[in-house]
C-alpha atoms as a PDB file:
ATOM      1  CA  MET A   1     -27.531 -40.157  21.752  1.00  0.00           C
ATOM      2  CA  PHE A   2     -27.311 -40.710  18.172  1.00  0.00           C
ATOM      3  CA  GLU A   3     -27.995 -43.216  16.489  1.00  0.00           C
ATOM      4  CA  LEU A   4     -25.123 -45.300  15.104  1.00  0.00           C
ATOM      5  CA  ASN A   5     -26.409 -47.427  12.421  1.00  0.00           C
ATOM      6  CA  ILE A   6     -26.748 -43.617  11.142  1.00  0.00           C
ATOM      7  CA  TRP A   7     -22.851 -43.039  11.446  1.00  0.00           C
ATOM      8  CA  PHE A   8     -22.176 -46.284   9.776  1.00  0.00           C
ATOM      9  CA  TYR A   9     -24.274 -45.902   6.962  1.00  0.00           C
ATOM     10  CA  THR A  10     -23.446 -42.314   6.261  1.00  0.00           C
ATOM     11  CA  GLY A  11     -19.178 -43.639   6.436  1.00  0.00           C
ATOM     12  CA  CYS A  12     -20.607 -46.387   3.729  1.00  0.00           C
ATOM     13  CA  ILE A  13     -21.828 -44.117   1.333  1.00  0.00           C
ATOM     14  CA  LEU A  14     -19.294 -42.213   2.026  1.00  0.00           C
ATOM     15  CA  THR A  15     -16.723 -44.287   1.190  1.00  0.00           C
ATOM     16  CA  ILE A  16     -18.066 -46.025  -2.431  1.00  0.00           C
ATOM     17  CA  ILE A  17     -18.917 -42.743  -3.503  1.00  0.00           C
ATOM     18  CA  GLY A  18     -15.579 -41.337  -2.174  1.00  0.00           C
ATOM     19  CA  SER A  19     -13.349 -44.578  -4.225  1.00  0.00           C
ATOM     20  CA  LEU A  20     -15.954 -43.842  -7.372  1.00  0.00           C
ATOM     21  CA  SER A  21     -14.852 -40.510  -7.297  1.00  0.00           C
ATOM     22  CA  THR A  22     -11.276 -41.919  -6.420  1.00  0.00           C
ATOM     23  CA  VAL A  23     -11.307 -43.727  -9.862  1.00  0.00           C
ATOM     24  CA  TRP A  24     -12.929 -40.916 -12.159  1.00  0.00           C
ATOM     25  CA  GLY A  25     -10.051 -38.378 -10.088  1.00  0.00           C
ATOM     26  CA  PRO A  26      -7.265 -38.434 -12.589  1.00  0.00           C
ATOM     27  CA  GLY A  27      -9.613 -37.126 -15.363  1.00  0.00           C
ATOM     28  CA  VAL A  28      -9.358 -33.852 -12.949  1.00  0.00           C
ATOM     29  CA  LYS A  29      -7.282 -30.666 -13.401  1.00  0.00           C
ATOM     30  CA  ASP A  30      -7.442 -29.432 -10.432  1.00  0.00           C
ATOM     31  CA  PRO A  31      -5.383 -30.402  -7.826  1.00  0.00           C
ATOM     32  CA  ILE A  32      -7.847 -29.229  -5.012  1.00  0.00           C
ATOM     33  CA  VAL A  33     -10.306 -31.438  -5.877  1.00  0.00           C
ATOM     34  CA  ARG A  34      -8.106 -34.728  -6.678  1.00  0.00           C
ATOM     35  CA  THR A  35      -6.893 -34.282  -2.474  1.00  0.00           C
ATOM     36  CA  LEU A  36     -10.331 -34.455  -2.088  1.00  0.00           C
ATOM     37  CA  ASN A  37     -11.750 -37.053  -3.977  1.00  0.00           C
ATOM     38  CA  THR A  38      -9.247 -39.247  -2.308  1.00  0.00           C
ATOM     39  CA  GLU A  39     -10.127 -37.345   1.466  1.00  0.00           C
ATOM     40  CA  ILE A  40     -13.902 -38.520   1.299  1.00  0.00           C
ATOM     41  CA  PRO A  41     -13.340 -42.011   1.605  1.00  0.00           C
ATOM     42  CA  SER A  42     -10.808 -41.580   3.822  1.00  0.00           C
ATOM     43  CA  ILE A  43     -13.622 -39.995   6.210  1.00  0.00           C
ATOM     44  CA  GLY A  44     -16.154 -42.900   5.424  1.00  0.00           C
ATOM     45  CA  ILE A  45     -13.860 -44.789   6.547  1.00  0.00           C
ATOM     46  CA  SER A  46     -13.163 -43.559  10.178  1.00  0.00           C
ATOM     47  CA  LEU A  47     -17.223 -42.553  10.038  1.00  0.00           C
ATOM     48  CA  ILE A  48     -17.826 -46.887   9.797  1.00  0.00           C
ATOM     49  CA  LEU A  49     -14.751 -47.111  12.741  1.00  0.00           C
ATOM     50  CA  LEU A  50     -16.222 -44.304  14.653  1.00  0.00           C
ATOM     51  CA  THR A  51     -19.684 -47.075  15.752  1.00  0.00           C
ATOM     52  CA  TYR A  52     -16.635 -48.742  16.872  1.00  0.00           C
ATOM     53  CA  ASN A  53     -14.430 -47.224  18.933  1.00  0.00           C
ATOM     54  CA  HIS A  54     -13.377 -43.780  18.928  1.00  0.00           C
ATOM     55  CA  MET A  55      -9.695 -43.462  19.039  1.00  0.00           C
ATOM     56  CA  LEU A  56      -9.849 -46.162  16.834  1.00  0.00           C
ATOM     57  CA  ALA A  57     -11.632 -43.621  14.169  1.00  0.00           C
ATOM     58  CA  LEU A  58      -9.577 -41.001  14.798  1.00  0.00           C
ATOM     59  CA  LEU A  59      -5.715 -42.885  14.310  1.00  0.00           C
ATOM     60  CA  THR A  60      -7.612 -44.306  10.916  1.00  0.00           C
ATOM     61  CA  PHE A  61      -8.394 -40.678  10.222  1.00  0.00           C
ATOM     62  CA  VAL A  62      -5.132 -38.897  10.632  1.00  0.00           C
ATOM     63  CA  ALA A  63      -3.273 -42.038   9.163  1.00  0.00           C
ATOM     64  CA  THR A  64      -5.282 -42.137   5.254  1.00  0.00           C
ATOM     65  CA  SER A  65      -5.081 -38.436   5.044  1.00  0.00           C
ATOM     66  CA  VAL A  66      -1.311 -37.400   6.113  1.00  0.00           C
ATOM     67  CA  ILE A  67      -0.520 -40.805   3.695  1.00  0.00           C
ATOM     68  CA  VAL A  68      -2.528 -39.743   1.018  1.00  0.00           C
ATOM     69  CA  SER A  69      -1.504 -36.379   1.106  1.00  0.00           C
ATOM     70  CA  LEU A  70       1.939 -37.829   1.130  1.00  0.00           C
ATOM     71  CA  ILE A  71       1.569 -39.794  -2.139  1.00  0.00           C
ATOM     72  CA  LEU A  72      -0.856 -37.367  -4.348  1.00  0.00           C
ATOM     73  CA  LEU A  73       1.568 -33.831  -3.513  1.00  0.00           C
ATOM     74  CA  ARG A  74       5.113 -36.690  -4.194  1.00  0.00           C
ATOM     75  CA  THR A  75       3.006 -37.452  -8.097  1.00  0.00           C
ATOM     76  CA  ILE A  76       2.276 -34.113  -8.841  1.00  0.00           C
ATOM     77  CA  THR A  77       6.095 -32.644  -7.556  1.00  0.00           C
ATOM     78  CA  ARG A  78       7.125 -35.590  -9.882  1.00  0.00           C
ATOM     79  CA  LEU A  79       4.328 -34.900 -12.974  1.00  0.00           C
ATOM     80  CA  GLU A  80       5.441 -31.273 -13.141  1.00  0.00           C
ATOM     81  CA  GLU A  81       9.581 -32.346 -12.500  1.00  0.00           C
ATOM     82  CA  ILE A  82       8.957 -34.369 -15.597  1.00  0.00           C
ATOM     83  CA  GLY A  83       6.737 -31.579 -17.890  1.00  0.00           C
ATOM     84  CA  ALA A  84       3.363 -33.612 -18.046  1.00  0.00           C
ATOM     85  CA  GLU A  85       0.704 -31.322 -18.039  1.00  0.00           C
ATOM     86  CA  LEU A  86      -1.766 -31.592 -15.786  1.00  0.00           C
END
């Protein structure tokens, strides 16, 4: 059986690193890198919740991935419509 502390601490590290990369992410020109920068914290949160409940972790990962992807894609299309340079 896996140690639950490993998953918890890995999730905390991914959440912190992912949050910092999301803060610095808007300076990145590539939309793929921006999407990855927002997915890293959601994976970290899912790992933290995985130590408590497997279904809760799965639902959190799916919900955060979908919501963040929709917001990011809407923002990119809106910026392209107004002619802003990405």
